[in-house]
PDB file of N, CA and C in Angstrom:
ATOM      1  N   UNK A   1      19.496 189.804  -9.097  1.00  0.00           N
ATOM      2  CA  UNK A   1      18.873 188.995  -8.080  1.00  0.00           C
ATOM      3  C   UNK A   1      17.825 188.070  -8.705  1.00  0.00           C
ATOM      4  N   UNK A   2      17.101 188.567  -9.692  1.00  0.00           N
ATOM      5  CA  UNK A   2      16.079 187.758 -10.357  1.00  0.00           C
ATOM      6  C   UNK A   2      16.715 186.601 -11.126  1.00  0.00           C
ATOM      7  N   UNK A   3      17.849 186.858 -11.768  1.00  0.00           N
ATOM      8  CA  UNK A   3      18.536 185.803 -12.517  1.00  0.00           C
ATOM      9  C   UNK A   3      19.023 184.721 -11.562  1.00  0.00           C
ATOM     10  N   UNK A   4      19.533 185.098 -10.401  1.00  0.00           N
ATOM     11  CA  UNK A   4      19.969 184.118  -9.406  1.00  0.00           C
ATOM     12  C   UNK A   4      18.799 183.260  -8.941  1.00  0.00           C
ATOM     13  N   UNK A   5      17.626 183.862  -8.787  1.00  0.00           N
ATOM     14  CA  UNK A   5      16.436 183.130  -8.380  1.00  0.00           C
ATOM     15  C   UNK A   5      16.056 182.096  -9.436  1.00  0.00           C
ATOM     16  N   UNK A   6      16.101 182.494 -10.700  1.00  0.00           N
ATOM     17  CA  UNK A   6      15.757 181.577 -11.796  1.00  0.00           C
ATOM     18  C   UNK A   6      16.764 180.435 -11.872  1.00  0.00           C
ATOM     19  N   UNK A   7      18.054 180.750 -11.756  1.00  0.00           N
ATOM     20  CA  UNK A   7      19.083 179.712 -11.798  1.00  0.00           C
ATOM     21  C   UNK A   7      18.921 178.730 -10.635  1.00  0.00           C
ATOM     22  N   UNK A   8      18.610 179.234  -9.457  1.00  0.00           N
ATOM     23  CA  UNK A   8      18.400 178.380  -8.290  1.00  0.00           C
ATOM     24  C   UNK A   8      17.188 177.478  -8.503  1.00  0.00           C
ATOM     25  N   UNK A   9      16.150 178.014  -9.119  1.00  0.00           N
ATOM     26  CA  UNK A   9      14.934 177.247  -9.386  1.00  0.00           C
ATOM     27  C   UNK A   9      15.217 176.071 -10.315  1.00  0.00           C
ATOM     28  N   UNK A  10      16.014 176.284 -11.343  1.00  0.00           N
ATOM     29  CA  UNK A  10      16.292 175.251 -12.339  1.00  0.00           C
ATOM     30  C   UNK A  10      17.537 174.413 -12.030  1.00  0.00           C
ATOM     31  N   UNK A  11      18.205 174.688 -10.929  1.00  0.00           N
ATOM     32  CA  UNK A  11      19.449 174.000 -10.594  1.00  0.00           C
ATOM     33  C   UNK A  11      19.271 172.482 -10.515  1.00  0.00           C
ATOM     34  N   UNK A  12      18.243 172.015  -9.845  1.00  0.00           N
ATOM     35  CA  UNK A  12      18.000 170.580  -9.723  1.00  0.00           C
ATOM     36  C   UNK A  12      17.731 169.920 -11.064  1.00  0.00           C
ATOM     37  N   UNK A  13      16.962 170.588 -11.906  1.00  0.00           N
ATOM     38  CA  UNK A  13      16.653 170.060 -13.232  1.00  0.00           C
ATOM     39  C   UNK A  13      17.916 169.977 -14.094  1.00  0.00           C
ATOM     40  N   UNK A  14      18.745 170.994 -14.018  1.00  0.00           N
ATOM     41  CA  UNK A  14      19.994 171.013 -14.783  1.00  0.00           C
ATOM     42  C   UNK A  14      20.916 169.887 -14.308  1.00  0.00           C
ATOM     43  N   UNK A  15      21.013 169.686 -13.013  1.00  0.00           N
ATOM     44  CA  UNK A  15      21.842 168.604 -12.473  1.00  0.00           C
ATOM     45  C   UNK A  15      21.304 167.253 -12.943  1.00  0.00           C
ATOM     46  N   UNK A  16      19.994 167.087 -12.950  1.00  0.00           N
ATOM     47  CA  UNK A  16      19.395 165.840 -13.426  1.00  0.00           C
ATOM     48  C   UNK A  16      19.741 165.590 -14.889  1.00  0.00           C
ATOM     49  N   UNK A  17      19.660 166.618 -15.711  1.00  0.00           N
ATOM     50  CA  UNK A  17      19.989 166.468 -17.127  1.00  0.00           C
ATOM     51  C   UNK A  17      21.468 166.187 -17.349  1.00  0.00           C
ATOM     52  N   UNK A  18      22.319 166.688 -16.477  1.00  0.00           N
ATOM     53  CA  UNK A  18      23.767 166.533 -16.638  1.00  0.00           C
ATOM     54  C   UNK A  18      24.315 165.284 -15.946  1.00  0.00           C
ATOM     55  N   UNK A  19      23.451 164.495 -15.311  1.00  0.00           N
ATOM     56  CA  UNK A  19      23.901 163.293 -14.621  1.00  0.00           C
ATOM     57  C   UNK A  19      24.109 162.160 -15.619  1.00  0.00           C
ATOM     58  N   UNK A  20      25.265 161.531 -15.536  1.00  0.00           N
ATOM     59  CA  UNK A  20      25.634 160.420 -16.420  1.00  0.00           C
ATOM     60  C   UNK A  20      25.882 159.175 -15.576  1.00  0.00           C
ATOM     61  N   UNK A  21      25.822 158.007 -16.205  1.00  0.00           N
ATOM     62  CA  UNK A  21      26.091 156.745 -15.538  1.00  0.00           C
ATOM     63  C   UNK A  21      27.326 156.109 -16.144  1.00  0.00           C
ATOM     64  N   UNK A  22      28.246 155.718 -15.282  1.00  0.00           N
ATOM     65  CA  UNK A  22      29.422 154.974 -15.710  1.00  0.00           C
ATOM     66  C   UNK A  22      29.303 153.549 -15.171  1.00  0.00           C
ATOM     67  N   UNK A  23      29.746 152.577 -15.956  1.00  0.00           N
ATOM     68  CA  UNK A  23      29.720 151.189 -15.543  1.00  0.00           C
ATOM     69  C   UNK A  23      31.142 150.660 -15.527  1.00  0.00           C
ATOM     70  N   UNK A  24      31.526 150.024 -14.415  1.00  0.00           N
ATOM     71  CA  UNK A  24      32.874 149.466 -14.329  1.00  0.00           C
ATOM     72  C   UNK A  24      32.904 148.041 -14.877  1.00  0.00           C
ATOM     73  N   UNK A  25      34.059 147.400 -14.764  1.00  0.00           N
ATOM     74  CA  UNK A  25      34.227 146.059 -15.332  1.00  0.00           C
ATOM     75  C   UNK A  25      33.401 144.999 -14.611  1.00  0.00           C
ATOM     76  N   UNK A  26      32.869 145.327 -13.433  1.00  0.00           N
ATOM     77  CA  UNK A  26      32.042 144.395 -12.679  1.00  0.00           C
ATOM     78  C   UNK A  26      30.549 144.709 -12.821  1.00  0.00           C
ATOM     79  N   UNK A  27      30.215 145.524 -13.786  1.00  0.00           N
ATOM     80  CA  UNK A  27      28.838 145.943 -14.087  1.00  0.00           C
ATOM     81  C   UNK A  27      28.195 146.748 -12.968  1.00  0.00           C
ATOM     82  N   UNK A  28      29.000 147.412 -12.164  1.00  0.00           N
ATOM     83  CA  UNK A  28      28.479 148.324 -11.148  1.00  0.00           C
ATOM     84  C   UNK A  28      28.276 149.686 -11.785  1.00  0.00           C
ATOM     85  N   UNK A  29      27.112 150.258 -11.568  1.00  0.00           N
ATOM     86  CA  UNK A  29      26.817 151.570 -12.125  1.00  0.00           C
ATOM     87  C   UNK A  29      27.137 152.678 -11.149  1.00  0.00           C
ATOM     88  N   UNK A  30      27.737 153.735 -11.640  1.00  0.00           N
ATOM     89  CA  UNK A  30      28.072 154.903 -10.841  1.00  0.00           C
ATOM     90  C   UNK A  30      27.516 156.146 -11.511  1.00  0.00           C
ATOM     91  N   UNK A  31      26.883 156.994 -10.722  1.00  0.00           N
ATOM     92  CA  UNK A  31      26.337 158.234 -11.236  1.00  0.00           C
ATOM     93  C   UNK A  31      27.302 159.373 -10.938  1.00  0.00           C
ATOM     94  N   UNK A  32      27.437 160.289 -11.896  1.00  0.00           N
ATOM     95  CA  UNK A  32      28.236 161.477 -11.659  1.00  0.00           C
ATOM     96  C   UNK A  32      27.647 162.617 -12.471  1.00  0.00           C
ATOM     97  N   UNK A  33      27.894 163.824 -12.006  1.00  0.00           N
ATOM     98  CA  UNK A  33      27.413 165.021 -12.701  1.00  0.00           C
ATOM     99  C   UNK A  33      28.516 165.486 -13.640  1.00  0.00           C
ATOM    100  N   UNK A  34      28.184 165.532 -14.912  1.00  0.00           N
ATOM    101  CA  UNK A  34      29.115 166.015 -15.929  1.00  0.00           C
ATOM    102  C   UNK A  34      29.141 167.546 -15.823  1.00  0.00           C
ATOM    103  N   UNK A  35      30.207 168.064 -15.232  1.00  0.00           N
ATOM    104  CA  UNK A  35      30.295 169.504 -14.957  1.00  0.00           C
ATOM    105  C   UNK A  35      30.293 170.326 -16.246  1.00  0.00           C
ATOM    106  N   UNK A  36      30.888 169.808 -17.308  1.00  0.00           N
ATOM    107  CA  UNK A  36      30.891 170.537 -18.581  1.00  0.00           C
ATOM    108  C   UNK A  36      29.474 170.650 -19.138  1.00  0.00           C
ATOM    109  N   UNK A  37      28.704 169.563 -19.068  1.00  0.00           N
ATOM    110  CA  UNK A  37      27.320 169.584 -19.530  1.00  0.00           C
ATOM    111  C   UNK A  37      26.487 170.521 -18.662  1.00  0.00           C
ATOM    112  N   UNK A  38      26.725 170.500 -17.355  1.00  0.00           N
ATOM    113  CA  UNK A  38      26.003 171.383 -16.449  1.00  0.00           C
ATOM    114  C   UNK A  38      26.289 172.841 -16.788  1.00  0.00           C
ATOM    115  N   UNK A  39      27.531 173.145 -17.066  1.00  0.00           N
ATOM    116  CA  UNK A  39      27.908 174.511 -17.434  1.00  0.00           C
ATOM    117  C   UNK A  39      27.260 174.930 -18.753  1.00  0.00           C
ATOM    118  N   UNK A  40      27.217 174.025 -19.722  1.00  0.00           N
ATOM    119  CA  UNK A  40      26.595 174.331 -21.006  1.00  0.00           C
ATOM    120  C   UNK A  40      25.098 174.587 -20.848  1.00  0.00           C
ATOM    121  N   UNK A  41      24.424 173.783 -20.033  1.00  0.00           N
ATOM    122  CA  UNK A  41      22.992 173.975 -19.801  1.00  0.00           C
ATOM    123  C   UNK A  41      22.712 175.291 -19.075  1.00  0.00           C
ATOM    124  N   UNK A  42      23.546 175.614 -18.092  1.00  0.00           N
ATOM    125  CA  UNK A  42      23.385 176.873 -17.363  1.00  0.00           C
ATOM    126  C   UNK A  42      23.613 178.061 -18.297  1.00  0.00           C
ATOM    127  N   UNK A  43      24.612 177.959 -19.150  1.00  0.00           N
ATOM    128  CA  UNK A  43      24.891 179.024 -20.105  1.00  0.00           C
ATOM    129  C   UNK A  43      23.724 179.189 -21.080  1.00  0.00           C
ATOM    130  N   UNK A  44      23.163 178.078 -21.530  1.00  0.00           N
ATOM    131  CA  UNK A  44      22.019 178.144 -22.441  1.00  0.00           C
ATOM    132  C   UNK A  44      20.821 178.808 -21.760  1.00  0.00           C
ATOM    133  N   UNK A  45      20.582 178.473 -20.498  1.00  0.00           N
ATOM    134  CA  UNK A  45      19.486 179.097 -19.759  1.00  0.00           C
ATOM    135  C   UNK A  45      19.716 180.594 -19.600  1.00  0.00           C
ATOM    136  N   UNK A  46      20.945 180.987 -19.255  1.00  0.00           N
ATOM    137  CA  UNK A  46      21.256 182.414 -19.136  1.00  0.00           C
ATOM    138  C   UNK A  46      21.050 183.144 -20.454  1.00  0.00           C
ATOM    139  N   UNK A  47      21.436 182.518 -21.541  1.00  0.00           N
ATOM    140  CA  UNK A  47      21.265 183.138 -22.857  1.00  0.00           C
ATOM    141  C   UNK A  47      19.783 183.320 -23.181  1.00  0.00           C
ATOM    142  N   UNK A  48      18.972 182.321 -22.846  1.00  0.00           N
ATOM    143  CA  UNK A  48      17.518 182.440 -23.072  1.00  0.00           C
ATOM    144  C   UNK A  48      16.906 183.543 -22.212  1.00  0.00           C
ATOM    145  N   UNK A  49      17.382 183.663 -20.979  1.00  0.00           N
ATOM    146  CA  UNK A  49      16.873 184.718 -20.093  1.00  0.00           C
ATOM    147  C   UNK A  49      17.211 186.093 -20.680  1.00  0.00           C
ATOM    148  N   UNK A  50      18.450 186.254 -21.124  1.00  0.00           N
ATOM    149  CA  UNK A  50      18.871 187.557 -21.649  1.00  0.00           C
ATOM    150  C   UNK A  50      18.217 187.895 -22.989  1.00  0.00           C
ATOM    151  N   UNK A  51      17.867 186.873 -23.781  1.00  0.00           N
ATOM    152  CA  UNK A  51      17.217 187.101 -25.072  1.00  0.00           C
ATOM    153  C   UNK A  51      15.704 187.295 -24.965  1.00  0.00           C
ATOM    154  N   UNK A  52      15.137 187.036 -23.790  1.00  0.00           N
ATOM    155  CA  UNK A  52      13.693 187.109 -23.609  1.00  0.00           C
ATOM    156  C   UNK A  52      13.213 188.550 -23.741  1.00  0.00           C
ATOM    157  N   UNK A  53      12.158 188.711 -24.539  1.00  0.00           N
ATOM    158  CA  UNK A  53      11.563 190.043 -24.717  1.00  0.00           C
ATOM    159  C   UNK A  53      10.118 190.010 -24.271  1.00  0.00           C
ATOM    160  N   UNK A  54       9.738 191.034 -23.575  1.00  0.00           N
ATOM    161  CA  UNK A  54       8.359 191.123 -23.071  1.00  0.00           C
ATOM    162  C   UNK A  54       7.481 191.732 -24.118  1.00  0.00           C
TER     163      UNK A  54
END
């Protein structure tokens, strides 16, 4: 339950870090969340949580 709370807390920050911009041929910018990057960041956070020693 504590890990879910931590993941929920950092969810917005992780999404912000994983957001990329694509530009089409008309120079219109589109934002999208790179799901692979989001998964890697979440995995890294989980690994840090599990490695944490008091």
